[in-house]
Amino acid sequence: MTIPGTARLHDHLAEAIKDPDPIRVGDDLICLRFETMKVYSALGAVRHLLETGAVRTGDTLIDSSSGIYAHALALACHRYGMKCHIVGSTTVDKTLRVQLEILGATVEQVPSSNNLQLDQNLRVRRIAEILRDNPSYHWMQQYHDDIHYLGYGAVADLVDQVAPAGPLCLVGGVGTGASTGAIAAYLRDRGRDVNLVGVQPFGSITFGAGHTQDPEMIIAGIGSSIEFRNVRHELYDRLHWVSFDYAMSAAVDLLRTSGVFAGLSAGAAYLSAVWEHQCDSSRQHVFLAADTGTRYVDSAFSRHAEARPMNSMRPREIDSLEQLAVPWSAMSWDRRESALVRREQFPSATPSH
């Protein structure tokens, strides 16, 4: 609903908070700052499931999350009259958990772990147990189902509007693939020249860094120790692997220099985008800040005195995955496919729904 001469009136909070704020944080560098980015993914997926009859109003939707998707799915379920069950990691803090519970979601968390593989395996194993006891539940499978690409067409439209005509470079966490990959695919469908730079944590198997480990802590949500089948490797031009230490330092710098208070994945994307712009200033660079920095206050921002200066951090440019090394490595991926991708499930770069 739009009231003439006033701001738009939304029918639900999910619709109000999904749109990002595009913020110029440097020459030819734009930050897309979301409150919770995956609202696009969750709203688009739930709406499609209802429209196709795969689920009905009142059904229970279940999934695993390190935090951002949990909030998004709970809001989407609240918006469309669904029940919600979240199996979360310990990064789902008290502030978020209380919100989820009041929204009507059932929330349970796996035991604390600083190991990416153990954390994700425990969550997926718990979902399997719940589905055995509740076969009517619908597993959203944010890690595997390309239905989660659908909502990001609107983000691509926004990028197309705010970024001047010409070559683009989009930088952000890979995660499940249904964010950076989806936005880039939609932009390319619209005729934009887009280089896609994915950001990963050390320890993620998605692009072959399973043999590495961050000595500090995992950066939630942008990597995986288990196969994420909806990551389309052939969409990516470059990859950056960033440690907690460097991501924290960049997130602090982003807040200090621009006022943007965003999470660790945003810090890693900002760091990578600044470097990519230094290497190729012919492109407008856009990076994603997928959530606010609230849940990282204790683990990261409270350590701001330890933050490294931006100009002291440089990536190790590598030619092979065997050369990966903490704290920061970068590599040209050149839109190659991966043996992890099940091509029969995802035959093209364009979302099929």
Protein backbone atom coordinates (compact mmCIF):
# COMPACT_ATOMS: atom_id res chain seq x y z
CA MET A 1 0.00 0.00 0.00
CA THR A 2 1.27 3.48 -0.86
CA ILE A 3 -0.22 6.65 0.63
CA PRO A 4 0.27 9.71 -1.65
CA GLY A 5 2.85 12.11 -0.30
CA THR A 6 4.06 9.75 2.43
CA ALA A 7 6.39 6.83 2.89
CA ARG A 8 5.20 3.40 1.85
CA LEU A 9 3.05 1.61 4.43
CA HIS A 10 4.01 -2.06 4.71
CA ASP A 11 1.66 -4.90 5.66
CA HIS A 12 4.33 -6.83 7.55
CA LEU A 13 7.75 -6.20 9.09
CA ALA A 14 9.34 -8.74 6.74
CA GLU A 15 8.48 -6.53 3.78
CA ALA A 16 9.72 -3.42 5.58
CA ILE A 17 13.17 -4.69 6.59
CA LYS A 18 14.11 -6.72 3.53
CA ASP A 19 15.27 -3.80 1.37
CA PRO A 20 18.94 -2.91 1.87
CA ASP A 21 20.37 0.57 2.27
CA PRO A 22 22.83 1.31 -0.56
CA ILE A 23 25.67 3.34 0.96
CA ARG A 24 28.68 4.77 -0.82
CA VAL A 25 31.69 3.99 1.37
CA GLY A 26 34.44 4.97 -1.05
CA ASP A 27 35.22 5.84 -4.66
CA ASP A 28 33.33 3.36 -6.84
CA LEU A 29 32.55 1.26 -3.74
CA ILE A 30 28.96 0.70 -2.62
CA CYS A 31 27.83 -1.23 0.45
CA LEU A 32 24.41 -2.92 0.34
CA ARG A 33 23.63 -2.90 4.04
CA PHE A 34 20.84 -5.30 5.05
CA GLU A 35 19.23 -5.71 8.42
CA THR A 36 18.78 -9.38 7.57
CA MET A 37 19.49 -10.27 3.93
CA LYS A 38 17.92 -13.71 3.82
CA VAL A 39 14.41 -12.30 4.24
CA TYR A 40 14.47 -12.10 0.43
CA SER A 41 15.32 -15.78 0.21
CA ALA A 42 12.81 -16.93 2.81
CA LEU A 43 9.89 -14.82 1.57
CA GLY A 44 10.43 -15.87 -2.03
CA ALA A 45 10.73 -19.55 -1.14
CA VAL A 46 7.71 -19.69 1.20
CA ARG A 47 5.55 -17.74 -1.24
CA HIS A 48 6.49 -20.14 -4.06
CA LEU A 49 5.79 -23.21 -1.93
CA LEU A 50 2.33 -21.89 -1.06
CA GLU A 51 1.53 -20.89 -4.64
CA THR A 52 2.51 -24.32 -5.99
CA GLY A 53 0.69 -26.23 -3.25
CA ALA A 54 3.84 -27.83 -1.86
CA VAL A 55 2.78 -26.57 1.58
CA ARG A 56 -0.41 -25.17 3.06
CA THR A 57 -1.09 -22.42 5.55
CA GLY A 58 -0.50 -23.77 9.04
CA ASP A 59 2.14 -26.33 8.03
CA THR A 60 5.48 -26.44 9.87
CA LEU A 61 8.63 -25.40 8.05
CA ILE A 62 11.98 -26.50 9.48
CA ASP A 63 15.60 -25.67 8.77
CA SER A 64 19.08 -25.23 10.19
CA SER A 65 20.67 -21.82 10.62
CA SER A 66 23.57 -19.98 12.17
CA GLY A 67 21.31 -16.96 12.69
CA ILE A 68 20.39 -14.80 9.69
CA TYR A 69 18.22 -17.39 7.96
CA ALA A 70 16.54 -18.33 11.26
CA HIS A 71 15.25 -14.77 11.65
CA ALA A 72 14.26 -14.58 8.00
CA LEU A 73 12.35 -17.88 8.02
CA ALA A 74 10.59 -17.03 11.28
CA LEU A 75 9.44 -13.71 9.77
CA ALA A 76 8.32 -15.39 6.55
CA CYS A 77 6.36 -18.00 8.50
CA HIS A 78 4.78 -15.27 10.62
CA ARG A 79 3.91 -13.34 7.44
CA TYR A 80 2.21 -16.30 5.75
CA GLY A 81 0.65 -18.07 8.73
CA MET A 82 3.08 -20.99 8.93
CA LYS A 83 4.71 -22.71 11.89
CA CYS A 84 8.48 -22.59 12.18
CA HIS A 85 11.10 -24.90 13.73
CA ILE A 86 14.74 -23.78 13.84
CA VAL A 87 17.78 -25.92 14.66
CA GLY A 88 20.39 -23.28 15.35
CA SER A 89 24.06 -23.01 16.13
CA THR A 90 25.33 -21.28 19.24
CA THR A 91 25.70 -18.07 17.19
CA VAL A 92 21.93 -17.69 17.67
CA ASP A 93 22.29 -15.39 20.66
CA LYS A 94 19.76 -14.57 23.37
CA THR A 95 18.53 -11.41 21.63
CA LEU A 96 17.68 -13.33 18.46
CA ARG A 97 16.38 -16.40 20.24
CA VAL A 98 13.88 -14.38 22.27
CA GLN A 99 12.63 -12.69 19.08
CA LEU A 100 12.23 -16.07 17.36
CA GLU A 101 10.30 -17.52 20.28
CA ILE A 102 7.93 -14.54 20.48
CA LEU A 103 7.35 -14.82 16.72
CA GLY A 104 6.13 -18.36 17.44
CA ALA A 105 9.14 -20.35 16.27
CA THR A 106 10.38 -23.45 18.07
CA VAL A 107 14.11 -22.99 18.60
CA GLU A 108 16.70 -25.52 19.66
CA GLN A 109 20.48 -25.21 19.54
CA VAL A 110 23.17 -27.83 19.09
CA PRO A 111 26.01 -28.04 21.64
CA SER A 112 28.65 -25.36 21.44
CA SER A 113 31.48 -26.00 18.97
CA ASN A 114 34.23 -23.93 17.39
CA ASN A 115 34.54 -26.55 14.65
CA LEU A 116 32.60 -25.73 11.47
CA GLN A 117 32.17 -29.37 10.46
CA LEU A 118 30.95 -30.53 13.85
CA ASP A 119 28.53 -27.60 14.19
CA GLN A 120 26.89 -28.11 10.80
CA ASN A 121 26.83 -31.90 10.97
CA LEU A 122 25.14 -31.80 14.38
CA ARG A 123 22.47 -29.45 13.07
CA VAL A 124 21.71 -31.53 9.97
CA ARG A 125 21.67 -34.73 12.03
CA ARG A 126 19.16 -33.18 14.43
CA ILE A 127 16.90 -32.15 11.55
CA ALA A 128 16.90 -35.75 10.29
CA GLU A 129 15.77 -36.91 13.73
CA ILE A 130 12.97 -34.34 13.87
CA LEU A 131 11.75 -35.25 10.38
CA ARG A 132 11.60 -38.94 11.30
CA ASP A 133 9.31 -38.07 14.21
CA ASN A 134 7.34 -35.43 12.26
CA PRO A 135 7.07 -36.53 8.60
CA SER A 136 4.55 -33.76 7.82
CA TYR A 137 7.17 -31.06 8.42
CA HIS A 138 8.61 -29.42 5.31
CA TRP A 139 12.40 -29.11 5.30
CA MET A 140 13.33 -25.85 3.61
CA GLN A 141 16.83 -27.09 2.72
CA GLN A 142 18.40 -23.66 2.39
CA TYR A 143 21.70 -25.47 1.75
CA HIS A 144 20.44 -27.46 -1.23
CA ASP A 145 17.23 -26.20 -2.83
CA ASP A 146 17.57 -23.61 -5.61
CA ILE A 147 14.14 -22.28 -4.65
CA HIS A 148 16.09 -19.90 -2.41
CA TYR A 149 17.44 -18.08 -5.47
CA LEU A 150 13.99 -16.73 -6.35
CA GLY A 151 13.77 -13.77 -3.99
CA TYR A 152 17.05 -12.17 -5.09
CA GLY A 153 15.79 -10.93 -8.44
CA ALA A 154 14.56 -7.85 -6.59
CA VAL A 155 18.05 -7.25 -5.14
CA ALA A 156 19.51 -7.48 -8.63
CA ASP A 157 17.01 -4.83 -9.75
CA LEU A 158 18.16 -2.56 -6.93
CA VAL A 159 21.85 -3.04 -7.78
CA ASP A 160 21.05 -2.31 -11.40
CA GLN A 161 19.44 0.98 -10.34
CA VAL A 162 22.04 2.25 -7.86
CA ALA A 163 25.20 1.17 -9.68
CA PRO A 164 26.05 3.33 -12.70
CA ALA A 165 25.91 1.69 -16.10
CA GLY A 166 29.09 -0.18 -16.91
CA PRO A 167 31.08 -3.12 -15.59
CA LEU A 168 30.32 -4.29 -12.04
CA CYS A 169 32.08 -6.37 -9.43
CA LEU A 170 29.83 -7.97 -6.79
CA VAL A 171 31.53 -9.16 -3.60
CA GLY A 172 29.99 -11.14 -0.76
CA GLY A 173 29.87 -14.34 1.26
CA VAL A 174 29.19 -17.51 -0.71
CA GLY A 175 27.26 -19.30 2.02
CA THR A 176 24.58 -21.45 0.44
CA GLY A 177 25.01 -19.77 -2.94
CA ALA A 178 21.56 -18.23 -2.87
CA SER A 179 22.72 -14.65 -2.38
CA THR A 180 25.85 -13.56 -4.24
CA GLY A 181 25.35 -16.29 -6.84
CA ALA A 182 21.68 -15.49 -7.31
CA ILE A 183 22.16 -11.73 -7.56
CA ALA A 184 24.97 -12.11 -10.10
CA ALA A 185 22.94 -14.58 -12.18
CA TYR A 186 19.97 -12.21 -12.34
CA LEU A 187 22.20 -9.22 -13.18
CA ARG A 188 23.88 -11.15 -15.99
CA ASP A 189 20.45 -12.13 -17.30
CA ARG A 190 19.70 -8.38 -17.44
CA GLY A 191 22.78 -7.82 -19.59
CA ARG A 192 25.14 -6.43 -16.95
CA ASP A 193 28.85 -7.23 -17.14
CA VAL A 194 29.40 -8.68 -13.66
CA ASN A 195 32.49 -10.15 -12.04
CA LEU A 196 31.47 -12.20 -9.02
CA VAL A 197 33.86 -12.45 -6.06
CA GLY A 198 32.94 -14.96 -3.37
CA VAL A 199 34.15 -14.78 0.22
CA GLN A 200 34.78 -17.93 2.25
CA PRO A 201 36.06 -18.78 5.74
CA PHE A 202 38.97 -21.14 6.20
CA GLY A 203 37.71 -24.68 6.76
CA SER A 204 34.92 -24.45 4.18
CA ILE A 205 34.86 -27.32 1.67
CA THR A 206 32.70 -25.42 -0.83
CA PHE A 207 35.70 -24.23 -2.82
CA GLY A 208 38.23 -26.71 -1.50
CA ALA A 209 39.52 -25.23 1.76
CA GLY A 210 38.48 -28.11 3.99
CA HIS A 211 42.10 -28.86 4.82
CA THR A 212 42.56 -25.44 6.45
CA GLN A 213 41.33 -24.04 9.75
CA ASP A 214 40.99 -20.60 11.31
CA PRO A 215 42.76 -20.57 14.68
CA GLU A 216 40.29 -18.02 16.07
CA MET A 217 36.67 -18.91 15.28
CA ILE A 218 34.34 -19.66 12.38
CA ILE A 219 32.65 -16.82 10.52
CA ALA A 220 29.06 -18.02 10.63
CA GLY A 221 27.00 -18.45 7.51
CA ILE A 222 29.45 -17.89 4.64
CA GLY A 223 31.08 -21.31 4.36
CA SER A 224 30.45 -24.99 4.85
CA SER A 225 32.07 -28.18 6.03
CA ILE A 226 29.30 -30.14 4.32
CA GLU A 227 28.21 -30.08 0.68
CA PHE A 228 25.92 -27.16 -0.21
CA ARG A 229 24.31 -28.34 -3.44
CA ASN A 230 22.83 -24.98 -4.44
CA VAL A 231 26.24 -23.30 -4.82
CA ARG A 232 26.88 -22.83 -8.54
CA HIS A 233 30.64 -22.70 -8.71
CA GLU A 234 30.65 -21.67 -12.35
CA LEU A 235 29.14 -18.28 -11.46
CA TYR A 236 32.26 -17.14 -9.56
CA ASP A 237 35.23 -15.29 -11.05
CA ARG A 238 37.35 -14.88 -7.91
CA LEU A 239 37.48 -16.31 -4.38
CA HIS A 240 38.82 -14.83 -1.14
CA TRP A 241 39.37 -16.84 2.05
CA VAL A 242 39.46 -14.48 5.05
CA SER A 243 40.27 -15.22 8.69
CA PHE A 244 38.30 -14.01 11.70
CA ASP A 245 41.14 -11.67 12.65
CA TYR A 246 41.15 -9.90 9.28
CA ALA A 247 37.35 -9.86 8.97
CA MET A 248 37.05 -8.35 12.45
CA SER A 249 39.65 -5.71 11.62
CA ALA A 250 37.85 -4.74 8.41
CA ALA A 251 34.43 -4.69 10.10
CA VAL A 252 35.84 -2.29 12.71
CA ASP A 253 37.31 -0.11 9.95
CA LEU A 254 33.98 -0.12 8.09
CA LEU A 255 32.21 1.13 11.21
CA ARG A 256 34.90 3.69 12.03
CA THR A 257 35.14 5.18 8.54
CA SER A 258 31.56 4.95 7.25
CA GLY A 259 29.34 4.38 10.29
CA VAL A 260 28.14 1.04 8.86
CA PHE A 261 27.72 -1.43 11.73
CA ALA A 262 27.67 -4.86 10.10
CA GLY A 263 28.70 -8.44 10.76
CA LEU A 264 31.91 -10.35 10.20
CA SER A 265 30.91 -11.49 6.72
CA ALA A 266 30.49 -7.82 5.80
CA GLY A 267 33.96 -7.10 7.13
CA ALA A 268 35.41 -9.91 5.00
CA ALA A 269 33.48 -8.69 1.94
CA TYR A 270 34.57 -5.08 2.51
CA LEU A 271 38.21 -6.11 2.83
CA SER A 272 37.99 -8.19 -0.35
CA ALA A 273 36.14 -5.47 -2.27
CA VAL A 274 38.72 -2.81 -1.39
CA TRP A 275 41.47 -5.12 -2.67
CA GLU A 276 39.59 -6.02 -5.84
CA HIS A 277 39.00 -2.34 -6.55
CA GLN A 278 42.70 -1.63 -6.17
CA CYS A 279 43.38 -4.39 -8.70
CA ASP A 280 40.66 -3.31 -11.17
CA SER A 281 39.42 0.26 -10.80
CA SER A 282 37.53 0.09 -14.10
CA ARG A 283 34.58 -1.59 -12.36
CA GLN A 284 32.01 -0.28 -9.90
CA HIS A 285 32.36 -2.49 -6.81
CA VAL A 286 29.36 -3.52 -4.70
CA PHE A 287 29.70 -5.59 -1.53
CA LEU A 288 27.06 -7.17 0.65
CA ALA A 289 26.63 -6.54 4.38
CA ALA A 290 24.20 -9.35 5.13
CA ASP A 291 23.32 -8.43 8.72
CA THR A 292 24.06 -5.96 11.48
CA GLY A 293 26.99 -6.31 13.87
CA THR A 294 24.82 -6.83 16.93
CA ARG A 295 25.54 -10.51 17.51
CA TYR A 296 29.28 -9.93 17.11
CA VAL A 297 29.66 -7.25 19.78
CA ASP A 298 31.21 -9.56 22.37
CA SER A 299 33.17 -11.85 20.05
CA ALA A 300 34.50 -9.21 17.66
CA PHE A 301 33.71 -5.51 18.12
CA SER A 302 34.67 -5.48 21.80
CA ARG A 303 38.18 -6.32 20.56
CA HIS A 304 38.39 -3.22 18.37
CA ALA A 305 41.67 -2.16 19.98
CA GLU A 306 43.23 -5.25 18.37
CA ALA A 307 42.04 -4.33 14.86
CA ARG A 308 44.74 -4.14 12.21
CA PRO A 309 44.97 -1.11 9.89
CA MET A 310 43.42 -1.80 6.50
CA ASN A 311 46.62 -0.97 4.64
CA SER A 312 48.55 -3.57 6.65
CA MET A 313 46.47 -6.47 5.31
CA ARG A 314 47.20 -8.01 1.92
CA PRO A 315 46.04 -11.34 0.49
CA ARG A 316 48.29 -14.15 -0.59
CA GLU A 317 47.54 -14.58 -4.30
CA ILE A 318 47.52 -18.31 -5.01
CA ASP A 319 47.34 -20.50 -8.12
CA SER A 320 46.20 -23.72 -6.45
CA LEU A 321 44.20 -24.71 -3.39
CA GLU A 322 47.26 -26.41 -1.91
CA GLN A 323 48.73 -22.93 -1.42
CA LEU A 324 45.85 -21.72 0.79
CA ALA A 325 47.09 -20.13 3.99
CA VAL A 326 45.65 -18.14 6.88
CA PRO A 327 45.00 -15.22 7.33
CA TRP A 328 43.95 -14.21 3.78
CA SER A 329 44.26 -15.92 0.42
CA ALA A 330 42.80 -14.97 -2.96
CA MET A 331 42.50 -16.92 -6.19
CA SER A 332 41.08 -16.54 -9.68
CA TRP A 333 38.34 -19.16 -10.06
CA ASP A 334 37.41 -18.23 -13.65
CA ARG A 335 33.88 -19.65 -13.48
CA ARG A 336 35.00 -23.26 -13.27
CA GLU A 337 32.62 -26.02 -12.29
CA SER A 338 33.29 -28.25 -9.31
CA ALA A 339 33.05 -31.96 -8.76
CA LEU A 340 30.77 -31.16 -5.81
CA VAL A 341 28.09 -29.73 -8.10
CA ARG A 342 25.33 -32.13 -9.13
CA ARG A 343 24.79 -30.91 -12.66
CA GLU A 344 21.64 -32.94 -13.23
CA GLN A 345 19.96 -30.90 -10.48
CA PHE A 346 21.15 -27.46 -11.56
CA PRO A 347 21.48 -27.46 -15.39
CA SER A 348 21.78 -23.68 -15.85
CA ALA A 349 22.77 -20.50 -14.06
CA THR A 350 19.27 -19.10 -14.30
CA PRO A 351 16.84 -20.02 -11.49
CA SER A 352 14.39 -22.55 -12.85
CA HIS A 353 11.27 -21.45 -10.93
